[in-house]
Amino acid sequence: MLQLADIAKQIRAARKVRKLTQAALAARAGISRAQIERLENDKLGDMGIVLILRVLRVLDLDLTLQAFNHGRPTLDDLVKDNGG
């Protein structure tokens, strides 16, 4: 299951791939650089989903929801277990 820490890592990686500074990403998303820093360091506090979605939109990323699998392995889990 995807954790907030995983989202934070992916946001940081996507920002770096696009060669954006935290300040540049913040400006494009319409939020403060401090909020980007907190987001990337998994210290979201009370940052709402709307702000996170604005950051994801700037980075051409999407957040999707899926039904909880109730402990059943996902395809990713099975691939990892098989050395993939």
C-alpha atoms as a PDB file:
ATOM      1  CA  MET A   1       0.000   0.000   0.000  1.00  0.00           C
ATOM      2  CA  LEU A   2       1.280   3.436  -0.916  1.00  0.00           C
ATOM      3  CA  GLN A   3       2.222   5.518   2.114  1.00  0.00           C
ATOM      4  CA  LEU A   4       2.533   9.297   2.380  1.00  0.00           C
ATOM      5  CA  ALA A   5       6.303   8.844   2.610  1.00  0.00           C
ATOM      6  CA  ASP A   6       6.203   7.123  -0.803  1.00  0.00           C
ATOM      7  CA  ILE A   7       4.263  10.037  -2.281  1.00  0.00           C
ATOM      8  CA  ALA A   8       6.804  12.456  -0.809  1.00  0.00           C
ATOM      9  CA  LYS A   9       9.713  10.538  -2.377  1.00  0.00           C
ATOM     10  CA  GLN A  10       8.006  10.435  -5.758  1.00  0.00           C
ATOM     11  CA  ILE A  11       7.280  14.150  -5.665  1.00  0.00           C
ATOM     12  CA  ARG A  12      10.918  14.937  -4.845  1.00  0.00           C
ATOM     13  CA  ALA A  13      12.178  12.608  -7.583  1.00  0.00           C
ATOM     14  CA  ALA A  14       9.778  14.066 -10.165  1.00  0.00           C
ATOM     15  CA  ARG A  15      10.823  17.600  -9.234  1.00  0.00           C
ATOM     16  CA  LYS A  16      14.500  16.740  -9.647  1.00  0.00           C
ATOM     17  CA  VAL A  17      13.927  14.974 -12.995  1.00  0.00           C
ATOM     18  CA  ARG A  18      12.243  18.146 -14.223  1.00  0.00           C
ATOM     19  CA  LYS A  19      15.178  20.181 -12.856  1.00  0.00           C
ATOM     20  CA  LEU A  20      12.889  22.334 -10.730  1.00  0.00           C
ATOM     21  CA  THR A  21      13.954  23.909  -7.473  1.00  0.00           C
ATOM     22  CA  GLN A  22      11.579  23.745  -4.549  1.00  0.00           C
ATOM     23  CA  ALA A  23      10.979  27.469  -5.041  1.00  0.00           C
ATOM     24  CA  ALA A  24      10.144  27.031  -8.741  1.00  0.00           C
ATOM     25  CA  LEU A  25       7.755  24.160  -8.027  1.00  0.00           C
ATOM     26  CA  ALA A  26       6.121  26.156  -5.251  1.00  0.00           C
ATOM     27  CA  ALA A  27       5.642  29.176  -7.515  1.00  0.00           C
ATOM     28  CA  ARG A  28       4.059  27.056 -10.258  1.00  0.00           C
ATOM     29  CA  ALA A  29       1.766  25.333  -7.752  1.00  0.00           C
ATOM     30  CA  GLY A  30       0.862  28.576  -6.011  1.00  0.00           C
ATOM     31  CA  ILE A  31       2.126  27.517  -2.593  1.00  0.00           C
ATOM     32  CA  SER A  32       5.138  28.375  -0.445  1.00  0.00           C
ATOM     33  CA  ARG A  33       8.579  26.791  -0.760  1.00  0.00           C
ATOM     34  CA  ALA A  34       8.298  25.805   2.912  1.00  0.00           C
ATOM     35  CA  GLN A  35       5.194  23.768   2.061  1.00  0.00           C
ATOM     36  CA  ILE A  36       7.105  21.956  -0.694  1.00  0.00           C
ATOM     37  CA  GLU A  37       9.927  21.248   1.743  1.00  0.00           C
ATOM     38  CA  ARG A  38       7.492  19.843   4.321  1.00  0.00           C
ATOM     39  CA  LEU A  39       5.760  17.780   1.653  1.00  0.00           C
ATOM     40  CA  GLU A  40       9.029  16.289   0.374  1.00  0.00           C
ATOM     41  CA  ASN A  41      10.189  15.523   3.905  1.00  0.00           C
ATOM     42  CA  ASP A  42       6.940  13.743   4.810  1.00  0.00           C
ATOM     43  CA  LYS A  43       5.996  16.401   7.346  1.00  0.00           C
ATOM     44  CA  LEU A  44       2.692  17.298   5.806  1.00  0.00           C
ATOM     45  CA  GLY A  45       0.979  18.443   8.969  1.00  0.00           C
ATOM     46  CA  ASP A  46      -2.327  19.971   7.956  1.00  0.00           C
ATOM     47  CA  MET A  47      -1.523  20.333   4.245  1.00  0.00           C
ATOM     48  CA  GLY A  48      -4.740  19.519   2.462  1.00  0.00           C
ATOM     49  CA  ILE A  49      -5.256  17.226  -0.472  1.00  0.00           C
ATOM     50  CA  VAL A  50      -6.050  20.199  -2.715  1.00  0.00           C
ATOM     51  CA  LEU A  51      -2.524  21.565  -2.260  1.00  0.00           C
ATOM     52  CA  ILE A  52      -0.971  18.159  -2.843  1.00  0.00           C
ATOM     53  CA  LEU A  53      -3.017  17.746  -6.028  1.00  0.00           C
ATOM     54  CA  ARG A  54      -1.808  21.156  -7.258  1.00  0.00           C
ATOM     55  CA  VAL A  55       1.802  20.025  -6.808  1.00  0.00           C
ATOM     56  CA  LEU A  56       1.093  16.730  -8.563  1.00  0.00           C
ATOM     57  CA  ARG A  57      -0.554  18.564 -11.468  1.00  0.00           C
ATOM     58  CA  VAL A  58       2.532  20.751 -11.964  1.00  0.00           C
ATOM     59  CA  LEU A  59       4.678  17.592 -12.042  1.00  0.00           C
ATOM     60  CA  ASP A  60       2.301  15.821 -14.466  1.00  0.00           C
ATOM     61  CA  LEU A  61       1.552  13.187 -11.811  1.00  0.00           C
ATOM     62  CA  ASP A  62      -1.811  11.745 -10.870  1.00  0.00           C
ATOM     63  CA  LEU A  63      -3.152  10.313  -7.635  1.00  0.00           C
ATOM     64  CA  THR A  64      -5.464   7.349  -8.043  1.00  0.00           C
ATOM     65  CA  LEU A  65      -7.617   5.472  -5.574  1.00  0.00           C
ATOM     66  CA  GLN A  66      -8.348   1.790  -5.589  1.00  0.00           C
ATOM     67  CA  ALA A  67     -10.267  -0.660  -3.468  1.00  0.00           C
ATOM     68  CA  PHE A  68      -8.383  -1.884  -0.422  1.00  0.00           C
ATOM     69  CA  ASN A  69      -7.044  -5.380  -1.052  1.00  0.00           C
ATOM     70  CA  HIS A  70      -7.642  -6.711   2.492  1.00  0.00           C
ATOM     71  CA  GLY A  71      -4.165  -8.189   2.804  1.00  0.00           C
ATOM     72  CA  ARG A  72      -4.077  -9.924  -0.558  1.00  0.00           C
ATOM     73  CA  PRO A  73      -0.815  -9.442  -2.459  1.00  0.00           C
ATOM     74  CA  THR A  74      -0.757  -6.914  -5.247  1.00  0.00           C
ATOM     75  CA  LEU A  75       0.867  -7.486  -8.620  1.00  0.00           C
ATOM     76  CA  ASP A  76       3.812  -5.392  -7.413  1.00  0.00           C
ATOM     77  CA  ASP A  77       4.132  -7.630  -4.333  1.00  0.00           C
ATOM     78  CA  LEU A  78       4.149 -10.768  -6.487  1.00  0.00           C
ATOM     79  CA  VAL A  79       6.741  -9.340  -8.881  1.00  0.00           C
ATOM     80  CA  LYS A  80       9.012  -8.405  -5.950  1.00  0.00           C
ATOM     81  CA  ASP A  81       8.611 -11.873  -4.420  1.00  0.00           C
ATOM     82  CA  ASN A  82       9.667 -13.418  -7.721  1.00  0.00           C
ATOM     83  CA  GLY A  83      12.805 -11.326  -7.969  1.00  0.00           C
ATOM     84  CA  GLY A  84      11.380  -8.843 -10.465  1.00  0.00           C
END
